[in-house]
Amino acid sequence: MAILLTLMAVGLFLLASLFWLWMLVDCAMNESGDGSDKLVWIIIIVFTHFIGAVVYFLFRRPRRFEGTNSPQSRRGIYPSPPPRP
């Protein structure tokens, strides 16, 4: 029984660490460079580990997908379609 609990704890720790790393890389690669938002979020994620990653995932990351703050919309990677005749 103790071995099972240990394996579950190690697995949970690995999943939490992978999630933390994913959010850290996501923030570093996709967060806008305007102002100090990127730096503040990276500091929050690094120093609060899993809690910071969850906060970033729930509150900041969805805002990027609204289109107002996405790097793709600022760089013009996805141009608007041509007008219809």
N, C-alpha and C. Protein backbone atom coordinates (compact mmCIF):
# COMPACT_ATOMS: atom_id res chain seq x y z
N MET A 1 0.82 -1.20 0.00
CA MET A 1 0.00 0.00 0.00
C MET A 1 0.86 1.26 0.00
N ALA A 2 1.95 1.22 0.77
CA ALA A 2 2.84 2.38 0.84
C ALA A 2 3.52 2.63 -0.50
N ILE A 3 3.84 1.55 -1.21
CA ILE A 3 4.48 1.71 -2.52
C ILE A 3 3.53 2.36 -3.51
N LEU A 4 2.26 1.97 -3.47
CA LEU A 4 1.27 2.55 -4.35
C LEU A 4 1.10 4.04 -4.08
N LEU A 5 1.03 4.42 -2.82
CA LEU A 5 0.90 5.83 -2.48
C LEU A 5 2.13 6.62 -2.91
N THR A 6 3.30 6.02 -2.76
CA THR A 6 4.53 6.68 -3.18
C THR A 6 4.55 6.88 -4.70
N LEU A 7 4.16 5.86 -5.44
CA LEU A 7 4.11 5.97 -6.89
C LEU A 7 3.09 7.01 -7.35
N MET A 8 1.96 7.07 -6.66
CA MET A 8 0.95 8.08 -6.99
C MET A 8 1.47 9.48 -6.70
N ALA A 9 2.16 9.64 -5.59
CA ALA A 9 2.71 10.95 -5.24
C ALA A 9 3.78 11.39 -6.23
N VAL A 10 4.65 10.46 -6.63
CA VAL A 10 5.68 10.77 -7.61
C VAL A 10 5.05 11.10 -8.96
N GLY A 11 4.05 10.35 -9.36
CA GLY A 11 3.35 10.63 -10.61
C GLY A 11 2.66 11.98 -10.60
N LEU A 12 2.02 12.31 -9.50
CA LEU A 12 1.37 13.61 -9.38
C LEU A 12 2.39 14.74 -9.41
N PHE A 13 3.52 14.54 -8.74
CA PHE A 13 4.57 15.54 -8.76
C PHE A 13 5.11 15.74 -10.17
N LEU A 14 5.31 14.65 -10.92
CA LEU A 14 5.80 14.75 -12.29
C LEU A 14 4.80 15.47 -13.19
N LEU A 15 3.52 15.15 -13.05
CA LEU A 15 2.49 15.83 -13.84
C LEU A 15 2.44 17.33 -13.51
N ALA A 16 2.53 17.67 -12.24
CA ALA A 16 2.52 19.07 -11.85
C ALA A 16 3.75 19.80 -12.38
N SER A 17 4.88 19.13 -12.36
CA SER A 17 6.11 19.76 -12.87
C SER A 17 6.05 19.93 -14.38
N LEU A 18 5.51 18.96 -15.08
CA LEU A 18 5.35 19.10 -16.53
C LEU A 18 4.38 20.22 -16.88
N PHE A 19 3.29 20.33 -16.14
CA PHE A 19 2.34 21.42 -16.35
C PHE A 19 3.01 22.76 -16.09
N TRP A 20 3.79 22.85 -15.01
CA TRP A 20 4.51 24.07 -14.68
C TRP A 20 5.47 24.45 -15.81
N LEU A 21 6.21 23.48 -16.32
CA LEU A 21 7.15 23.74 -17.39
C LEU A 21 6.43 24.17 -18.66
N TRP A 22 5.30 23.56 -18.96
CA TRP A 22 4.51 23.93 -20.13
C TRP A 22 4.04 25.38 -20.02
N MET A 23 3.53 25.78 -18.85
CA MET A 23 3.06 27.14 -18.68
C MET A 23 4.21 28.15 -18.72
N LEU A 24 5.35 27.77 -18.18
CA LEU A 24 6.51 28.65 -18.21
C LEU A 24 6.98 28.88 -19.65
N VAL A 25 7.07 27.82 -20.43
CA VAL A 25 7.47 27.95 -21.83
C VAL A 25 6.40 28.69 -22.62
N ASP A 26 5.13 28.41 -22.36
CA ASP A 26 4.04 29.10 -23.04
C ASP A 26 4.11 30.60 -22.78
N CYS A 27 4.34 30.96 -21.55
CA CYS A 27 4.43 32.37 -21.19
C CYS A 27 5.64 33.02 -21.86
N ALA A 28 6.78 32.35 -21.82
CA ALA A 28 8.00 32.92 -22.39
C ALA A 28 7.92 33.06 -23.91
N MET A 29 7.24 32.14 -24.56
CA MET A 29 7.20 32.16 -26.03
C MET A 29 6.03 32.96 -26.60
N ASN A 30 4.90 32.98 -25.91
CA ASN A 30 3.70 33.53 -26.51
C ASN A 30 3.17 34.80 -25.87
N GLU A 31 3.64 35.13 -24.70
CA GLU A 31 3.15 36.33 -24.03
C GLU A 31 3.70 37.56 -24.75
N SER A 32 2.91 38.61 -24.80
CA SER A 32 3.34 39.82 -25.50
C SER A 32 4.53 40.43 -24.78
N GLY A 33 5.37 41.08 -25.55
CA GLY A 33 6.55 41.73 -24.99
C GLY A 33 6.27 43.17 -24.59
N ASP A 34 5.02 43.61 -24.71
CA ASP A 34 4.66 44.98 -24.37
C ASP A 34 4.71 45.18 -22.87
N GLY A 35 5.40 46.21 -22.44
CA GLY A 35 5.48 46.50 -21.02
C GLY A 35 6.25 45.43 -20.28
N SER A 36 5.85 45.20 -19.06
CA SER A 36 6.55 44.21 -18.24
C SER A 36 5.67 43.01 -17.92
N ASP A 37 4.59 42.82 -18.66
CA ASP A 37 3.68 41.70 -18.40
C ASP A 37 4.37 40.36 -18.46
N LYS A 38 5.18 40.15 -19.50
CA LYS A 38 5.85 38.87 -19.66
C LYS A 38 6.78 38.59 -18.49
N LEU A 39 7.56 39.57 -18.11
CA LEU A 39 8.50 39.39 -17.00
C LEU A 39 7.77 39.12 -15.69
N VAL A 40 6.69 39.85 -15.44
CA VAL A 40 5.93 39.65 -14.21
C VAL A 40 5.33 38.25 -14.16
N TRP A 41 4.75 37.78 -15.28
CA TRP A 41 4.17 36.45 -15.29
C TRP A 41 5.22 35.37 -15.14
N ILE A 42 6.38 35.55 -15.76
CA ILE A 42 7.45 34.56 -15.60
C ILE A 42 7.90 34.51 -14.14
N ILE A 43 8.05 35.65 -13.51
CA ILE A 43 8.44 35.68 -12.10
C ILE A 43 7.39 34.99 -11.23
N ILE A 44 6.11 35.27 -11.50
CA ILE A 44 5.03 34.64 -10.74
C ILE A 44 5.08 33.12 -10.90
N ILE A 45 5.23 32.66 -12.14
CA ILE A 45 5.24 31.22 -12.40
C ILE A 45 6.46 30.56 -11.77
N VAL A 46 7.61 31.19 -11.86
CA VAL A 46 8.84 30.59 -11.32
C VAL A 46 8.79 30.49 -9.81
N PHE A 47 8.38 31.57 -9.14
CA PHE A 47 8.46 31.59 -7.68
C PHE A 47 7.29 30.93 -6.97
N THR A 48 6.18 30.73 -7.66
CA THR A 48 5.04 30.08 -7.00
C THR A 48 4.77 28.68 -7.55
N HIS A 49 5.61 28.24 -8.47
CA HIS A 49 5.57 26.90 -9.06
C HIS A 49 4.18 26.52 -9.55
N PHE A 50 3.57 25.50 -9.03
CA PHE A 50 2.32 24.97 -9.56
C PHE A 50 1.16 25.96 -9.42
N ILE A 51 1.09 26.65 -8.29
CA ILE A 51 0.00 27.62 -8.07
C ILE A 51 0.08 28.74 -9.11
N GLY A 52 1.27 29.26 -9.36
CA GLY A 52 1.45 30.30 -10.36
C GLY A 52 1.09 29.82 -11.75
N ALA A 53 1.44 28.58 -12.07
CA ALA A 53 1.10 28.03 -13.38
C ALA A 53 -0.41 27.89 -13.54
N VAL A 54 -1.09 27.47 -12.49
CA VAL A 54 -2.55 27.35 -12.55
C VAL A 54 -3.20 28.73 -12.69
N VAL A 55 -2.71 29.71 -11.95
CA VAL A 55 -3.25 31.07 -12.06
C VAL A 55 -3.05 31.61 -13.47
N TYR A 56 -1.86 31.41 -14.03
CA TYR A 56 -1.60 31.85 -15.40
C TYR A 56 -2.53 31.13 -16.38
N PHE A 57 -2.68 29.83 -16.21
CA PHE A 57 -3.52 29.04 -17.11
C PHE A 57 -4.98 29.49 -17.06
N LEU A 58 -5.48 29.80 -15.87
CA LEU A 58 -6.90 30.14 -15.72
C LEU A 58 -7.21 31.59 -16.06
N PHE A 59 -6.30 32.50 -15.75
CA PHE A 59 -6.64 33.92 -15.87
C PHE A 59 -5.97 34.64 -17.02
N ARG A 60 -4.75 34.32 -17.35
CA ARG A 60 -4.05 35.07 -18.38
C ARG A 60 -4.10 34.40 -19.74
N ARG A 61 -3.90 33.13 -19.78
CA ARG A 61 -3.82 32.42 -21.05
C ARG A 61 -5.09 32.54 -21.88
N PRO A 62 -6.29 32.42 -21.30
CA PRO A 62 -7.50 32.55 -22.13
C PRO A 62 -7.64 33.94 -22.77
N ARG A 63 -7.09 34.97 -22.15
CA ARG A 63 -7.19 36.32 -22.72
C ARG A 63 -6.43 36.42 -24.04
N ARG A 64 -5.37 35.64 -24.19
CA ARG A 64 -4.63 35.67 -25.44
C ARG A 64 -5.45 35.10 -26.59
N PHE A 65 -6.33 34.18 -26.29
CA PHE A 65 -7.10 33.53 -27.35
C PHE A 65 -8.33 34.33 -27.75
N GLU A 66 -8.58 35.43 -27.08
CA GLU A 66 -9.69 36.30 -27.49
C GLU A 66 -9.34 37.09 -28.74
N GLY A 67 -8.05 37.16 -29.07
CA GLY A 67 -7.63 37.85 -30.28
C GLY A 67 -7.12 39.25 -30.03
N THR A 68 -7.40 39.83 -28.88
CA THR A 68 -6.98 41.20 -28.63
C THR A 68 -5.53 41.29 -28.22
N ASN A 69 -4.99 40.24 -27.65
CA ASN A 69 -3.63 40.29 -27.14
C ASN A 69 -2.78 39.14 -27.65
N SER A 70 -3.21 38.52 -28.75
CA SER A 70 -2.46 37.38 -29.25
C SER A 70 -1.27 37.85 -30.08
N PRO A 71 -0.15 37.18 -29.98
CA PRO A 71 1.01 37.57 -30.78
C PRO A 71 0.73 37.49 -32.28
N GLN A 72 -0.11 36.53 -32.69
CA GLN A 72 -0.41 36.39 -34.10
C GLN A 72 -1.13 37.61 -34.64
N SER A 73 -2.06 38.16 -33.87
CA SER A 73 -2.81 39.31 -34.37
C SER A 73 -1.95 40.55 -34.42
N ARG A 74 -0.96 40.68 -33.53
CA ARG A 74 -0.10 41.85 -33.54
C ARG A 74 0.91 41.78 -34.68
N ARG A 75 1.38 40.61 -35.01
CA ARG A 75 2.40 40.47 -36.04
C ARG A 75 1.80 40.37 -37.43
N GLY A 76 0.52 40.17 -37.54
CA GLY A 76 -0.10 40.06 -38.83
C GLY A 76 0.17 38.73 -39.53
N ILE A 77 0.38 37.69 -38.77
CA ILE A 77 0.65 36.38 -39.36
C ILE A 77 -0.58 35.86 -40.08
N TYR A 78 -1.74 36.14 -39.54
CA TYR A 78 -2.98 35.68 -40.15
C TYR A 78 -3.69 36.89 -40.76
N PRO A 79 -3.39 37.20 -42.02
CA PRO A 79 -4.03 38.38 -42.61
C PRO A 79 -5.52 38.16 -42.82
N SER A 80 -6.23 39.23 -42.91
CA SER A 80 -7.67 39.13 -43.14
C SER A 80 -7.91 38.62 -44.56
N PRO A 81 -9.01 37.91 -44.76
CA PRO A 81 -9.29 37.38 -46.11
C PRO A 81 -9.61 38.52 -47.07
N PRO A 82 -9.39 38.29 -48.36
CA PRO A 82 -9.69 39.34 -49.34
C PRO A 82 -11.19 39.62 -49.40
N PRO A 83 -11.56 40.84 -49.75
CA PRO A 83 -12.99 41.17 -49.84
C PRO A 83 -13.68 40.39 -50.94
N ARG A 84 -14.92 40.09 -50.71
CA ARG A 84 -15.71 39.39 -51.73
C ARG A 84 -16.18 40.38 -52.79
N PRO A 85 -16.22 39.93 -54.04
CA PRO A 85 -16.69 40.84 -55.12
C PRO A 85 -18.16 41.12 -55.07
